[in-house]
Protein backbone atom coordinates (compact mmCIF):
# COMPACT_ATOMS: atom_id res chain seq x y z
CA MET A 1 -5.20 13.94 1.15
CA ASN A 2 -2.52 12.88 -1.34
CA GLU A 3 -1.06 16.40 -1.28
CA VAL A 4 -0.84 16.33 2.53
CA LEU A 5 0.88 12.93 2.53
CA LEU A 6 3.37 13.98 -0.13
CA ASP A 7 4.06 17.22 1.74
CA LYS A 8 4.76 15.37 5.00
CA LEU A 9 6.45 12.23 3.61
CA GLY A 10 7.83 13.23 0.21
CA ASP A 11 11.26 14.29 1.46
CA LEU A 12 11.95 11.01 3.29
CA GLY A 13 13.51 9.40 0.23
CA VAL A 14 11.33 6.29 0.48
CA PRO A 15 8.38 5.14 -1.64
CA VAL A 16 5.01 6.57 -0.61
CA LEU A 17 2.02 4.43 -1.52
CA GLY A 18 -1.51 5.75 -1.78
CA GLY A 19 -4.78 5.34 -3.62
CA LEU A 20 -5.35 1.74 -2.59
CA LYS A 21 -8.96 0.58 -2.33
CA ILE A 22 -8.60 -0.66 1.25
CA GLY A 23 -10.28 0.40 4.44
CA HIS A 24 -13.68 2.09 4.47
CA ASP A 25 -14.43 2.21 0.75
CA LEU A 26 -17.59 1.01 -1.00
CA ASP A 27 -15.77 -2.15 -2.20
CA PRO A 28 -12.82 -2.51 0.19
CA ARG A 29 -10.02 -5.03 -0.28
CA VAL A 30 -8.48 -6.88 2.64
CA VAL A 31 -4.77 -6.45 3.32
CA PRO A 32 -3.52 -8.98 5.86
CA LEU A 33 -1.23 -7.77 8.65
CA GLY A 34 2.04 -9.53 9.38
CA THR A 35 2.57 -11.05 5.94
CA GLY A 36 5.35 -10.36 3.49
CA ALA A 37 4.89 -7.89 0.68
CA VAL A 38 6.89 -6.47 -2.24
CA LEU A 39 6.43 -2.89 -3.42
CA ASP A 40 7.80 -2.48 -6.96
CA THR A 41 7.93 1.25 -7.63
CA ALA A 42 9.14 0.78 -11.20
CA ALA A 43 6.18 -1.42 -12.11
CA GLY A 44 3.74 0.38 -9.81
CA THR A 45 2.68 -2.83 -8.08
CA LEU A 46 2.20 -4.11 -4.55
CA THR A 47 2.28 -7.89 -4.14
CA VAL A 48 1.09 -9.21 -0.77
CA GLU A 49 1.65 -12.80 0.34
CA ALA A 50 -1.37 -14.87 1.35
CA ALA A 51 -2.25 -14.70 5.04
CA VAL A 52 -3.46 -18.32 5.13
CA ARG A 53 -1.84 -21.25 3.41
CA ASP A 54 -3.34 -24.66 2.64
């Protein structure tokens, strides 16, 4: 799947993120929709803001 994504998206000149343990995995993580996030390609990190605040 990674090869297909890179083939289709690799020439766009934007970061392509894959390999996250979200969705239908054995131990899926939740990624909230509509929140802010920072993708740091140099550090290889994705930081997602909390969806609910106290």
